[in-house]
Amino acid sequence: MAGKDVDNIHIYGSEKDTLWLAPLGTTLPVGLAAPGPTFNDVGLNGEAGFDLNREDDVQSFKVHQAGKTVRKKVTSSSTSIVFRTVEENAVTEKLADNIVATATVEGVTTATIAAAREVQAYAAILDLYDGGAMVRRAIPRFEVAGGGTETFSNSAITEREFTGEIIGDHFKISGPDPEA
């Protein structure tokens, strides 16, 4: 029987927390060592961090007698991660806009952004740290959409919100921080 243990309570938000993206089909690490060079860090994230959302549609089955529910069944499930980027870098620019062409002349870059955005599929790793503990979500297929509202203000950091849906199985790997 599980007991009450404060060591099982975590507060993530370490300097090392990272969402990594790589081309779809990239081999995922099996342990907690740093991912290979094909994985790109999305950069700094907004203060709200990451949200892991589990959504289930549940159907109730009722019987004639009193119309009572006798069974329930999950008819569809999805798991997604919401993340908020605050850096403008090559990774976040690709996530936000469907850039179809770029040209750089004398240090000035012009990007052509398509009128329609598309879902982008990646291999992904979400690394979270709390003191000497580390939790990794290794995701073979992570489909990202969104970008949400991007506000340009002198009173707040410019932030973009994305939702990546986990398609198929993924892996949760936890243990001591290998760098601690």
Foldseek 3Di string as FASTA:
>chain_A
DDDDDCVPDFDWDDPPWWKWWAAQPDDDDPAQDDDDPRIDTLDDWDPVAKDKDKDWDKDFDADPVVRDTDDIDTPDIWIKMKTKDQDDDPVVVVLQFVFPDWDDDPRDIDTDGDPDDDWHWTFMKTWIDGVFKIKIKTANIWTKHFQDDFDDDPPDGTMTMMMIIRDDDIDIHMDTNPVD
